[in-house]
Amino acid sequence: MRHGKKFNHLSRPASHRKALLMNQAKSLILHKRIITTVAKAKALRKFVEPIITKAKQDSTHARRVVFSYFQDKEPVKLLFNEVAPKIGDRPGGYTRIIRMGNRLGDNSEMCLIELVDYNTYLQKEDTSKEAKSKTRRGKGKSKSSDTPLSAAKDTTQQDEADQSAQQLGNHSEEVNSGENNTIVSTSDMSSEEDTNPEDN
């Protein structure tokens, strides 16, 4: 019975499956990306990621353990000398699966599996995004910073606001004085009209 056995057998006996995953893992380490079916890529990811984690500690024992999976010196040397230092800070998730549509012959779902840190195109996009979005909203901080430039900007803005307030005050005084003058002039006119009929 196969209770709890959730891994994909890939329609192969155990020895054939082990050889397939070993060869694909070697190709992935040597060439950094390979094209295969989605089912094989998912099985390969479970096979190769623990090996890459093992390669983070460069010791004789770790090299012998990895060699027992690969049975080849070249991928072991490349894994420990080049790949492991580059992905040393990453806590797992060393591979990426990108789906590429279906194969013409049997309509199998194809994909590209690659090592994450070796995709130069996506790394360039990430750096450009980081360069664009460096500013972050402060958590509970005031918007004005302590730099001298910002302080100078704040003082100039405050001076401009004071000047505009003064101009508004002067204008309101002129308007008020103008209204008083018009009131006085209308009262003078009414008094003149009252005096004119008496003269007549």
Protein backbone atom coordinates (compact mmCIF):
# COMPACT_ATOMS: atom_id res chain seq x y z
CA MET A 1 0.00 0.00 0.00
CA ARG A 2 1.13 3.56 -0.69
CA HIS A 3 -0.44 5.41 2.23
CA GLY A 4 1.14 8.83 2.71
CA LYS A 5 3.57 8.51 -0.22
CA LYS A 6 2.95 11.83 -1.94
CA PHE A 7 6.05 12.16 -4.14
CA ASN A 8 5.71 11.84 -7.90
CA HIS A 9 6.96 8.50 -9.27
CA LEU A 10 7.32 10.04 -12.76
CA SER A 11 6.21 6.70 -14.26
CA ARG A 12 9.68 5.23 -13.58
CA PRO A 13 11.15 2.66 -11.21
CA ALA A 14 13.19 3.94 -8.29
CA SER A 15 16.62 3.47 -9.89
CA HIS A 16 15.57 5.15 -13.14
CA ARG A 17 13.97 8.05 -11.21
CA LYS A 18 17.09 8.52 -9.08
CA ALA A 19 19.34 8.59 -12.16
CA LEU A 20 17.02 11.06 -13.91
CA LEU A 21 16.99 13.49 -10.96
CA MET A 22 20.76 13.15 -10.49
CA ASN A 23 21.43 14.02 -14.15
CA GLN A 24 18.98 16.92 -14.13
CA ALA A 25 20.48 18.31 -10.90
CA LYS A 26 23.98 18.15 -12.40
CA SER A 27 22.78 19.94 -15.53
CA LEU A 28 21.08 22.61 -13.41
CA ILE A 29 24.25 23.26 -11.41
CA LEU A 30 26.47 23.37 -14.52
CA HIS A 31 24.21 25.42 -16.83
CA LYS A 32 22.18 27.38 -14.20
CA ARG A 33 18.88 26.73 -16.08
CA ILE A 34 17.27 23.83 -17.94
CA ILE A 35 14.00 23.27 -19.83
CA THR A 36 11.92 20.27 -18.76
CA THR A 37 8.34 19.28 -17.94
CA VAL A 38 6.58 20.82 -14.93
CA ALA A 39 6.28 17.46 -13.14
CA LYS A 40 10.01 16.75 -13.47
CA ALA A 41 10.88 20.32 -12.45
CA LYS A 42 8.82 20.05 -9.24
CA ALA A 43 10.48 16.71 -8.42
CA LEU A 44 13.90 18.20 -9.23
CA ARG A 45 13.28 21.17 -6.94
CA LYS A 46 12.66 18.83 -3.98
CA PHE A 47 15.79 16.88 -4.90
CA VAL A 48 18.27 19.71 -5.48
CA GLU A 49 17.39 22.33 -2.85
CA PRO A 50 18.51 20.23 0.17
CA ILE A 51 21.78 19.59 -1.69
CA ILE A 52 22.34 23.33 -2.17
CA THR A 53 21.57 23.91 1.51
CA LYS A 54 24.15 21.26 2.40
CA ALA A 55 26.72 23.08 0.25
CA LYS A 56 26.47 26.24 2.37
CA GLN A 57 28.91 24.77 4.91
CA ASP A 58 32.13 24.01 3.08
CA SER A 59 33.58 20.98 4.84
CA THR A 60 34.99 17.67 3.72
CA HIS A 61 31.99 15.83 5.09
CA ALA A 62 29.54 18.09 3.23
CA ARG A 63 31.49 17.63 -0.02
CA ARG A 64 31.38 13.84 0.37
CA VAL A 65 27.64 13.89 1.06
CA VAL A 66 26.99 16.00 -2.06
CA PHE A 67 29.32 13.78 -4.11
CA SER A 68 27.22 10.77 -3.08
CA TYR A 69 24.25 12.38 -4.87
CA PHE A 70 26.11 13.55 -8.00
CA GLN A 71 28.86 10.93 -8.48
CA ASP A 72 30.77 13.62 -10.40
CA LYS A 73 33.50 16.03 -9.28
CA GLU A 74 32.73 18.94 -11.64
CA PRO A 75 29.25 19.89 -10.33
CA VAL A 76 30.46 19.40 -6.74
CA LYS A 77 33.39 21.77 -7.32
CA LEU A 78 31.15 24.33 -9.06
CA LEU A 79 28.49 24.07 -6.36
CA PHE A 80 30.85 24.68 -3.45
CA ASN A 81 33.15 27.26 -5.11
CA GLU A 82 30.70 29.37 -7.13
CA VAL A 83 27.03 28.67 -6.38
CA ALA A 84 27.06 28.32 -2.58
CA PRO A 85 28.87 31.65 -1.86
CA LYS A 86 26.44 33.48 -4.11
CA ILE A 87 23.31 32.08 -2.44
CA GLY A 88 24.73 31.95 1.09
CA ASP A 89 22.38 34.60 2.49
CA ARG A 90 19.21 33.17 0.95
CA PRO A 91 17.13 31.06 3.39
CA GLY A 92 15.89 28.44 0.93
CA GLY A 93 14.00 28.87 -2.33
CA TYR A 94 17.06 28.63 -4.58
CA THR A 95 15.18 27.68 -7.77
CA ARG A 96 12.45 29.30 -9.85
CA ILE A 97 9.99 27.54 -12.19
CA ILE A 98 8.73 29.56 -15.16
CA ARG A 99 5.98 27.91 -17.23
CA MET A 100 6.47 28.02 -21.00
CA GLY A 101 3.30 26.52 -22.47
CA ASN A 102 2.67 23.05 -23.84
CA ARG A 103 4.91 20.86 -25.98
CA LEU A 104 3.77 20.20 -29.54
CA GLY A 105 4.23 16.42 -29.63
CA ASP A 106 2.34 15.21 -26.58
CA ASN A 107 0.98 18.52 -25.21
CA SER A 108 3.02 18.18 -22.02
CA GLU A 109 3.28 21.32 -19.90
CA MET A 110 6.83 22.65 -20.25
CA CYS A 111 8.77 24.99 -18.00
CA LEU A 112 12.17 26.51 -17.39
CA ILE A 113 13.76 25.81 -13.99
CA GLU A 114 16.68 28.04 -13.01
CA LEU A 115 18.79 29.12 -10.07
CA VAL A 116 17.29 32.36 -8.73
CA ASP A 117 20.52 34.32 -8.23
CA TYR A 118 21.73 33.72 -11.79
CA ASN A 119 18.88 35.45 -13.66
CA THR A 120 20.56 38.72 -14.69
CA TYR A 121 17.46 40.20 -16.36
CA LEU A 122 15.29 40.02 -13.23
CA GLN A 123 18.15 41.26 -11.04
CA LYS A 124 18.49 44.40 -13.22
CA GLU A 125 14.74 45.05 -12.91
CA ASP A 126 14.91 44.59 -9.13
CA THR A 127 17.79 47.06 -8.77
CA SER A 128 15.98 49.66 -10.88
CA LYS A 129 12.84 49.21 -8.75
CA GLU A 130 14.88 49.63 -5.58
CA ALA A 131 16.50 52.78 -6.98
CA LYS A 132 13.09 54.23 -7.80
CA SER A 133 11.36 53.31 -4.56
CA LYS A 134 13.93 54.24 -1.91
CA THR A 135 11.66 56.69 -0.11
CA ARG A 136 9.41 55.17 2.50
CA ARG A 137 6.77 56.71 4.64
CA GLY A 138 7.94 57.27 8.17
CA LYS A 139 6.25 55.34 10.94
CA GLY A 140 4.74 58.05 13.12
CA LYS A 141 7.49 60.56 12.28
CA SER A 142 6.85 64.12 11.17
CA LYS A 143 7.14 64.82 7.47
CA SER A 144 9.83 67.50 7.86
CA SER A 145 13.30 66.04 8.21
CA ASP A 146 16.25 67.49 10.10
CA THR A 147 18.40 68.26 7.07
CA PRO A 148 19.49 71.90 6.55
CA LEU A 149 17.97 71.96 3.07
CA SER A 150 14.55 71.03 4.38
CA ALA A 151 14.89 73.57 7.21
CA ALA A 152 15.78 76.28 4.68
CA LYS A 153 12.78 75.28 2.54
CA ASP A 154 10.52 75.43 5.61
CA THR A 155 11.77 78.91 6.56
CA THR A 156 11.30 80.24 3.01
CA GLN A 157 7.79 78.80 2.90
CA GLN A 158 7.00 80.39 6.26
CA ASP A 159 8.36 83.78 5.08
CA GLU A 160 6.21 83.57 1.96
CA ALA A 161 3.16 82.75 4.07
CA ASP A 162 3.86 85.73 6.37
CA GLN A 163 4.27 88.06 3.40
CA SER A 164 1.01 86.89 1.84
CA ALA A 165 -0.77 87.34 5.20
CA GLN A 166 0.62 90.89 5.48
CA GLN A 167 -0.52 91.71 1.95
CA LEU A 168 -4.00 90.33 2.72
CA GLY A 169 -4.12 92.46 5.91
CA ASN A 170 -3.11 95.63 4.04
CA HIS A 171 -5.68 94.95 1.35
CA SER A 172 -8.45 94.40 3.95
CA GLU A 173 -7.49 97.69 5.66
CA GLU A 174 -7.68 99.50 2.32
CA VAL A 175 -11.08 97.98 1.62
CA ASN A 176 -12.36 98.96 5.06
CA SER A 177 -11.07 102.51 4.70
CA GLY A 178 -12.68 102.71 1.25
CA GLU A 179 -16.04 101.61 2.67
CA ASN A 180 -15.83 104.28 5.37
CA ASN A 181 -15.06 106.93 2.79
CA THR A 182 -18.05 105.91 0.70
CA ILE A 183 -20.28 105.99 3.75
CA VAL A 184 -19.06 109.47 4.63
CA SER A 185 -19.51 110.67 1.08
CA THR A 186 -23.10 109.39 0.91
CA SER A 187 -23.94 111.11 4.18
CA ASP A 188 -22.38 114.33 2.87
CA MET A 189 -24.45 114.05 -0.30
CA SER A 190 -27.67 113.57 1.67
CA SER A 191 -26.86 116.63 3.80
CA GLU A 192 -26.14 118.63 0.66
CA GLU A 193 -29.49 117.57 -0.85
CA ASP A 194 -31.25 118.62 2.37
CA THR A 195 -29.62 122.01 2.33
CA ASN A 196 -30.28 122.67 -1.37
CA PRO A 197 -34.14 122.78 -1.18
CA GLU A 198 -33.94 125.17 1.75
CA ASP A 199 -31.81 127.50 -0.30
CA ASN A 200 -34.31 127.44 -3.12
